[in-house]
Amino acid sequence: MNYETKPSAGQREFPLHPGMPYNRAMSNLTILLPFGLPPPELARDLLRELKLPALATLLARSKSGPQRRQFDDFARALPHEMWLASQFPLPPFGQDAQNSPALACAAMRALGLRVDEGVWFILHPAHIHIARDHLVLTDIRQIGLSETDSRELFEAALPLCAEAGRMLVYGNANTWFLRADDWQGLLTSTPDATCGHNIDIWMPHGDGAPAWRKLQNEVQMLWFSHPLNQRREMQGRQSVNSLWLWGGASAQPSTQGQRQVFNLPDGFAGLGQYARTARADAAIAEVIDAKPEHGLLVLDQLIQPALTGEWSSWLQQLQTLESAYFAPLLQAMQQRQLDSLSLIVSDNTHTLELTTSRLSLKKFWLKPALTSLLP
């Protein structure tokens, strides 16, 4: 008796060459590269310094032309943050389209904290720089608090939060959490969207904003003369003079999605609970060996130098990504270990999206080029 089987969705009929199985799942990987787009005024000069043959090949030989999307200059989250949050079934919170991603409860669970009820926000100890006529939030990665120092500031702020009727919970040295059930309409901004700008536009707005500003001011006054800040200033380090609030979310069970995720960035690690599988600090060999059907790899090494304008470091990091990721991934496609590779590349107001397949890689007449990254 002769049985005929048809490939299921996501599969193809083979063999294309001897030794390959007749049916296998398609392997598709999406790479999110935040701040892979250089600033327009420096783009040509920066790209001239780069030697990225693998990335240039993937860009030039995409299946169709790159699709570029522009975002609001004053959005409360960066383009890559909005794209990343859109890939997972996050619970709705406030006016989602105008708010920072609802990540607080996911971040709490990722740190081993139980959250069964209430409305929660992410809090970061921060440094706000006083410019000539405005205040500027600096990159929170540069604070560099130890666990001991963070606990010291946390314990100092705890009574003020309790007096205001707010529960403050410690996550780790960089991340705390605040419960405020009556702030469901509060619009907040991610710290990276705010970094380097006049904070007035990105400050929390809506339900609970006056109460938050009052609490924030009280903590700032307490910390102003705190011995820890006096020690930091003597060491030539930034004072920890404020808190940044964002990521409001209502507690509810998480829903598992289909993504296989590798290397989620700080602040977004909690998204792993909405994925089918999530692995942190995965080497490229592990990503390729996983043969993901709906894989997502986040390469966030360019965020910090881009936010702080350290473009020599940005160039170095991109060269490292070429050898550590793009070259092995191109080879994996050429050796039929991956079927397609999508690139989502962003700056602070745009995303560029393109997909390269094993078939489109055969367009040998298209020379490798980085011109897709130009504005």
Protein backbone atom coordinates (compact mmCIF):
# COMPACT_ATOMS: atom_id res chain seq x y z
CA MET A 1 0.00 0.00 0.00
CA ASN A 2 1.35 3.43 -0.94
CA TYR A 3 0.88 6.25 1.55
CA GLU A 4 1.44 9.84 0.45
CA THR A 5 2.16 12.46 3.08
CA LYS A 6 2.04 16.20 2.58
CA PRO A 7 4.21 18.66 4.46
CA SER A 8 2.48 20.45 7.29
CA ALA A 9 2.46 24.25 7.67
CA GLY A 10 5.95 25.65 8.04
CA GLN A 11 7.52 22.65 6.29
CA ARG A 12 8.85 22.07 2.80
CA GLU A 13 9.22 19.07 0.55
CA PHE A 14 12.77 17.91 0.07
CA PRO A 15 15.31 16.64 -0.85
CA LEU A 16 17.06 19.46 -2.62
CA HIS A 17 20.21 17.42 -2.54
CA PRO A 18 21.03 13.86 -1.40
CA GLY A 19 21.05 13.21 2.32
CA MET A 20 18.48 15.83 3.25
CA PRO A 21 15.20 14.71 4.85
CA TYR A 22 11.94 15.02 2.92
CA ASN A 23 10.25 17.03 5.66
CA ARG A 24 11.74 19.41 8.15
CA ALA A 25 10.60 22.54 9.93
CA MET A 26 11.73 25.82 8.43
CA SER A 27 14.31 27.61 10.52
CA ASN A 28 13.72 31.36 10.78
CA LEU A 29 15.67 33.81 12.90
CA THR A 30 14.96 37.50 13.46
CA ILE A 31 17.77 39.72 14.72
CA LEU A 32 16.91 42.95 16.52
CA LEU A 33 19.82 45.41 16.32
CA PRO A 34 18.96 48.57 18.28
CA PHE A 35 20.89 51.65 17.13
CA GLY A 36 22.40 49.82 14.18
CA LEU A 37 21.31 52.83 12.11
CA PRO A 38 23.95 55.56 12.47
CA PRO A 39 22.85 59.19 12.99
CA PRO A 40 22.16 60.86 9.62
CA GLU A 41 24.77 63.59 10.08
CA LEU A 42 27.53 61.02 10.75
CA ALA A 43 26.26 58.06 8.73
CA ARG A 44 28.57 58.22 5.70
CA ASP A 45 31.68 58.89 7.77
CA LEU A 46 30.91 56.08 10.22
CA LEU A 47 30.05 53.49 7.57
CA ARG A 48 33.25 54.35 5.69
CA GLU A 49 35.21 53.12 8.73
CA LEU A 50 33.48 49.74 8.87
CA LYS A 51 34.46 46.45 7.26
CA LEU A 52 31.40 44.22 7.64
CA PRO A 53 31.33 41.83 4.66
CA ALA A 54 28.84 39.40 6.22
CA LEU A 55 26.36 42.05 7.32
CA ALA A 56 26.80 43.85 3.98
CA THR A 57 25.94 40.62 2.15
CA LEU A 58 22.81 40.03 4.25
CA LEU A 59 21.67 43.61 3.67
CA ALA A 60 22.36 43.72 -0.06
CA ARG A 61 20.80 40.36 -0.88
CA SER A 62 17.52 40.68 0.94
CA LYS A 63 14.40 39.20 -0.69
CA SER A 64 12.97 42.66 -1.32
CA GLY A 65 14.00 46.22 -0.62
CA PRO A 66 14.29 47.33 3.01
CA GLN A 67 11.19 48.77 4.64
CA ARG A 68 11.81 51.87 6.73
CA ARG A 69 9.30 53.12 9.29
CA GLN A 70 9.40 56.44 11.13
CA PHE A 71 8.24 57.00 14.72
CA ASP A 72 7.25 60.05 16.74
CA ASP A 73 10.25 62.01 18.00
CA PHE A 74 8.57 62.29 21.41
CA ALA A 75 7.33 58.71 21.80
CA ARG A 76 7.54 57.30 25.32
CA ALA A 77 9.52 54.27 24.12
CA LEU A 78 12.23 53.86 21.51
CA PRO A 79 11.37 52.15 18.20
CA HIS A 80 13.21 48.93 19.10
CA GLU A 81 11.48 48.85 22.50
CA MET A 82 8.05 49.20 20.89
CA TRP A 83 8.86 46.56 18.28
CA LEU A 84 10.17 44.14 20.91
CA ALA A 85 7.13 44.56 23.15
CA SER A 86 4.83 44.01 20.15
CA GLN A 87 6.23 40.50 19.65
CA PHE A 88 4.79 39.20 22.93
CA PRO A 89 1.31 38.98 24.46
CA LEU A 90 1.82 41.65 27.11
CA PRO A 91 -1.23 42.59 29.18
CA PRO A 92 -2.84 45.92 28.20
CA PHE A 93 -2.17 48.88 30.46
CA GLY A 94 -3.44 52.46 30.23
CA GLN A 95 -3.19 53.94 26.76
CA ASP A 96 -0.85 51.30 25.36
CA ALA A 97 0.08 53.13 22.16
CA GLN A 98 1.19 56.19 24.13
CA ASN A 99 2.80 54.42 27.07
CA SER A 100 5.97 52.58 27.94
CA PRO A 101 5.67 48.77 27.61
CA ALA A 102 3.77 47.12 30.48
CA LEU A 103 6.76 45.19 31.81
CA ALA A 104 6.78 45.67 35.59
CA CYS A 105 5.08 42.41 36.57
CA ALA A 106 7.08 40.42 34.00
CA ALA A 107 10.30 41.98 35.34
CA MET A 108 9.33 41.07 38.90
CA ARG A 109 8.71 37.44 38.02
CA ALA A 110 12.01 37.31 36.12
CA LEU A 111 13.74 38.34 39.35
CA GLY A 112 11.94 35.65 41.35
CA LEU A 113 9.40 37.96 42.97
CA ARG A 114 5.80 36.85 43.38
CA VAL A 115 3.17 39.22 42.02
CA ASP A 116 -0.48 38.11 42.19
CA GLU A 117 -2.36 41.38 42.41
CA GLY A 118 -2.10 45.13 42.10
CA VAL A 119 -0.59 47.67 39.72
CA TRP A 120 3.18 47.83 39.68
CA PHE A 121 5.88 50.09 38.20
CA ILE A 122 9.59 49.64 37.60
CA LEU A 123 11.87 52.02 39.52
CA HIS A 124 15.52 52.70 38.71
CA PRO A 125 17.93 54.62 40.95
CA ALA A 126 19.07 57.38 38.58
CA HIS A 127 21.18 60.49 38.11
CA ILE A 128 19.52 63.61 36.74
CA HIS A 129 21.97 66.19 35.42
CA ILE A 130 21.19 69.86 35.98
CA ALA A 131 21.82 71.67 32.69
CA ARG A 132 21.67 75.44 32.23
CA ASP A 133 17.88 75.67 31.91
CA HIS A 134 16.57 72.10 32.16
CA LEU A 135 17.09 68.67 33.71
CA VAL A 136 18.54 65.70 31.80
CA LEU A 137 18.30 62.00 32.67
CA THR A 138 21.67 60.31 32.18
CA ASP A 139 22.17 56.70 31.10
CA ILE A 140 21.08 54.54 34.04
CA ARG A 141 23.72 51.92 33.09
CA GLN A 142 26.40 54.36 34.25
CA ILE A 143 25.15 54.49 37.85
CA GLY A 144 27.00 51.28 38.75
CA LEU A 145 25.45 50.63 42.16
CA SER A 146 26.63 47.64 44.15
CA GLU A 147 24.07 45.51 45.97
CA THR A 148 25.21 46.96 49.30
CA ASP A 149 24.94 50.57 48.15
CA SER A 150 21.59 49.98 46.46
CA ARG A 151 20.20 48.39 49.61
CA GLU A 152 21.37 51.41 51.60
CA LEU A 153 19.42 53.81 49.36
CA PHE A 154 16.45 51.44 49.24
CA GLU A 155 16.20 51.30 53.04
CA ALA A 156 16.35 55.08 53.19
CA ALA A 157 13.48 55.46 50.70
CA LEU A 158 11.33 52.71 52.21
CA PRO A 159 9.72 54.78 55.04
CA LEU A 160 8.80 57.59 52.62
CA CYS A 161 7.03 55.13 50.32
CA ALA A 162 5.24 53.50 53.26
CA GLU A 163 4.12 56.92 54.52
CA ALA A 164 2.69 57.63 51.05
CA GLY A 165 0.83 54.30 51.12
CA ARG A 166 3.04 52.75 48.43
CA MET A 167 4.70 49.35 48.65
CA LEU A 168 8.37 49.43 47.59
CA VAL A 169 9.99 46.11 46.67
CA TYR A 170 13.66 45.42 46.01
CA GLY A 171 14.53 43.57 42.80
CA ASN A 172 18.26 44.03 42.28
CA ALA A 173 20.84 46.80 42.53
CA ASN A 174 19.49 48.59 39.45
CA THR A 175 15.78 47.76 39.61
CA TRP A 176 13.12 48.22 42.27
CA PHE A 177 9.33 48.10 42.07
CA LEU A 178 6.53 50.33 43.36
CA ARG A 179 2.89 49.33 43.83
CA ALA A 180 0.27 51.98 43.06
CA ASP A 181 -3.15 50.48 42.31
CA ASP A 182 -4.76 53.89 41.66
CA TRP A 183 -2.27 54.90 38.93
CA GLN A 184 -3.70 52.80 36.11
CA GLY A 185 -3.94 55.82 33.81
CA LEU A 186 -0.36 56.96 34.37
CA LEU A 187 1.69 57.41 31.19
CA THR A 188 5.42 56.82 31.65
CA SER A 189 8.53 56.73 29.47
CA THR A 190 11.36 54.23 29.25
CA PRO A 191 14.71 55.46 30.61
CA ASP A 192 16.43 54.98 27.24
CA ALA A 193 13.78 57.04 25.43
CA THR A 194 14.35 59.82 27.97
CA CYS A 195 18.14 59.57 28.23
CA GLY A 196 19.99 62.71 27.17
CA HIS A 197 16.84 64.83 26.80
CA ASN A 198 15.04 67.50 28.76
CA ILE A 199 12.96 65.30 31.05
CA ASP A 200 9.89 67.59 31.07
CA ILE A 201 8.30 65.95 28.02
CA TRP A 202 8.98 62.42 29.24
CA MET A 203 7.89 62.81 32.85
CA PRO A 204 4.91 60.69 34.01
CA HIS A 205 1.58 62.18 32.98
CA GLY A 206 -2.02 61.46 33.92
CA ASP A 207 -3.57 59.61 36.87
CA GLY A 208 -1.14 59.62 39.77
CA ALA A 209 1.37 62.07 38.28
CA PRO A 210 1.13 64.67 41.11
CA ALA A 211 1.41 61.93 43.75
CA TRP A 212 4.45 60.47 42.03
CA ARG A 213 6.19 63.87 41.73
CA LYS A 214 5.60 64.50 45.42
CA LEU A 215 7.10 61.15 46.38
CA GLN A 216 9.97 61.56 43.93
CA ASN A 217 10.81 65.01 45.33
CA GLU A 218 10.81 63.69 48.90
CA VAL A 219 13.22 60.88 47.98
CA GLN A 220 15.45 63.32 46.09
CA MET A 221 15.67 65.64 49.09
CA LEU A 222 16.46 62.71 51.40
CA TRP A 223 19.19 61.41 49.11
CA PHE A 224 20.73 64.84 48.48
CA SER A 225 22.70 64.74 51.73
CA HIS A 226 22.86 60.96 52.09
CA PRO A 227 26.32 59.70 53.15
CA LEU A 228 26.44 57.34 50.18
CA ASN A 229 26.19 60.24 47.74
CA GLN A 230 28.81 62.16 49.65
CA ARG A 231 31.16 59.18 49.27
CA ARG A 232 30.38 58.86 45.56
CA GLU A 233 31.07 62.54 44.94
CA MET A 234 34.41 62.28 46.74
CA GLN A 235 35.24 59.37 44.41
CA GLY A 236 34.32 61.46 41.35
CA ARG A 237 31.25 59.35 40.60
CA GLN A 238 27.70 60.39 39.74
CA SER A 239 25.40 60.97 42.67
CA VAL A 240 22.23 58.91 42.81
CA ASN A 241 19.83 61.82 43.07
CA SER A 242 16.53 60.56 41.69
CA LEU A 243 14.34 57.63 40.67
CA TRP A 244 12.93 56.87 37.22
CA LEU A 245 9.44 55.30 37.03
CA TRP A 246 8.10 53.34 34.03
CA GLY A 247 6.66 50.04 32.80
CA GLY A 248 3.33 50.13 34.68
CA ALA A 249 1.46 46.82 34.55
CA SER A 250 -1.50 45.13 36.20
CA ALA A 251 -0.79 41.72 37.72
CA GLN A 252 -2.28 38.89 35.71
CA PRO A 253 -1.11 35.46 34.55
CA SER A 254 1.35 35.46 31.65
CA THR A 255 0.43 33.84 28.33
CA GLN A 256 3.04 31.79 26.53
CA GLY A 257 3.82 32.75 22.94
CA GLN A 258 5.62 30.98 20.10
CA ARG A 259 8.89 32.88 20.02
CA GLN A 260 12.21 31.20 20.83
CA VAL A 261 14.19 34.05 22.32
CA PHE A 262 17.89 34.63 22.83
CA ASN A 263 19.60 37.40 24.82
CA LEU A 264 16.83 39.78 25.86
CA PRO A 265 18.26 43.14 27.01
CA ASP A 266 18.16 44.60 30.53
CA GLY A 267 14.70 45.85 31.44
CA PHE A 268 13.08 43.50 28.93
CA ALA A 269 14.32 40.17 30.31
CA GLY A 270 10.88 39.50 31.76
CA LEU A 271 9.54 39.04 28.24
CA GLY A 272 11.11 35.60 28.34
CA GLN A 273 8.11 34.25 30.26
CA TYR A 274 5.91 35.11 27.25
CA ALA A 275 8.14 33.08 24.91
CA ARG A 276 8.11 29.38 24.13
CA THR A 277 11.74 29.22 25.23
CA ALA A 278 14.11 31.93 26.41
CA ARG A 279 17.87 31.74 26.84
CA ALA A 280 20.14 34.42 28.23
CA ASP A 281 23.72 35.03 27.09
CA ALA A 282 23.45 32.43 24.33
CA ALA A 283 26.50 31.99 22.12
CA ILE A 284 25.88 32.08 18.39
CA ALA A 285 26.58 28.34 18.07
CA GLU A 286 23.74 27.67 20.53
CA VAL A 287 21.39 29.88 18.52
CA ILE A 288 22.21 28.10 15.25
CA ASP A 289 22.05 24.63 16.80
CA ALA A 290 18.57 25.39 18.18
CA LYS A 291 17.27 25.68 14.58
CA PRO A 292 14.49 28.02 15.77
CA GLU A 293 11.24 28.10 13.82
CA HIS A 294 10.37 31.55 15.19
CA GLY A 295 13.65 32.65 16.73
CA LEU A 296 14.50 36.11 18.01
CA LEU A 297 18.04 37.20 18.83
CA VAL A 298 18.58 40.62 20.42
CA LEU A 299 21.97 42.28 19.98
CA ASP A 300 21.91 45.29 22.32
CA GLN A 301 25.62 46.12 22.40
CA LEU A 302 25.17 49.36 20.41
CA ILE A 303 22.61 50.99 22.71
CA GLN A 304 24.93 52.44 25.33
CA PRO A 305 27.53 53.99 22.97
CA ALA A 306 24.74 55.42 20.80
CA LEU A 307 22.90 57.00 23.73
CA THR A 308 26.09 58.57 25.07
CA GLY A 309 27.50 59.56 21.64
CA GLU A 310 30.60 57.38 21.96
CA TRP A 311 30.88 56.66 18.25
CA SER A 312 34.36 55.12 18.34
CA SER A 313 32.99 52.53 20.78
CA TRP A 314 29.95 52.09 18.51
CA LEU A 315 32.29 51.25 15.61
CA GLN A 316 34.24 48.77 17.73
CA GLN A 317 31.09 47.05 18.96
CA LEU A 318 29.73 46.71 15.43
CA GLN A 319 33.00 45.17 14.23
CA THR A 320 32.79 42.69 17.11
CA LEU A 321 29.22 41.80 16.16
CA GLU A 322 30.37 41.11 12.60
CA SER A 323 32.83 38.41 13.66
CA ALA A 324 30.84 37.06 16.60
CA TYR A 325 27.37 36.95 14.99
CA PHE A 326 26.91 38.07 11.40
CA ALA A 327 29.72 36.01 9.85
CA PRO A 328 28.64 32.74 11.58
CA LEU A 329 24.99 33.40 10.69
CA LEU A 330 25.81 34.00 7.02
CA GLN A 331 27.80 30.77 6.99
CA ALA A 332 24.90 28.94 8.67
CA MET A 333 22.57 30.08 5.89
CA GLN A 334 25.03 29.05 3.19
CA GLN A 335 25.31 25.63 4.84
CA ARG A 336 21.50 25.22 5.03
CA GLN A 337 21.36 25.43 8.83
CA LEU A 338 19.07 28.48 8.62
CA ASP A 339 16.39 29.09 6.00
CA SER A 340 15.78 32.81 6.48
CA LEU A 341 17.17 35.68 8.49
CA SER A 342 15.30 38.92 9.20
CA LEU A 343 17.02 42.08 10.40
CA ILE A 344 15.28 44.80 12.40
CA VAL A 345 17.69 47.73 12.68
CA SER A 346 16.80 50.96 14.46
CA ASP A 347 17.85 54.35 15.71
CA ASN A 348 15.89 56.67 18.02
CA THR A 349 13.14 57.43 15.47
CA HIS A 350 13.24 54.71 12.78
CA THR A 351 13.25 50.99 12.14
CA LEU A 352 14.55 49.32 9.02
CA GLU A 353 13.29 45.80 8.27
CA LEU A 354 14.48 43.30 5.67
CA THR A 355 14.63 39.55 5.22
CA THR A 356 17.27 37.43 3.53
CA SER A 357 16.60 33.84 2.46
CA ARG A 358 18.93 31.10 1.27
CA LEU A 359 17.53 31.64 -2.23
CA SER A 360 18.06 35.42 -2.21
CA LEU A 361 21.66 34.88 -1.09
CA LYS A 362 22.31 33.43 -4.54
CA LYS A 363 21.98 36.91 -6.09
CA PHE A 364 25.73 36.97 -6.72
CA TRP A 365 25.42 39.97 -9.03
CA LEU A 366 24.48 42.16 -6.04
CA LYS A 367 27.66 43.32 -4.35
CA PRO A 368 27.76 43.43 -0.56
CA ALA A 369 26.99 46.95 0.65
CA LEU A 370 25.92 48.82 3.77
CA THR A 371 23.99 51.49 1.86
CA SER A 372 20.67 50.28 3.30
CA LEU A 373 21.78 51.80 6.60
CA LEU A 374 22.05 55.28 5.13
CA PRO A 375 19.12 57.69 5.72
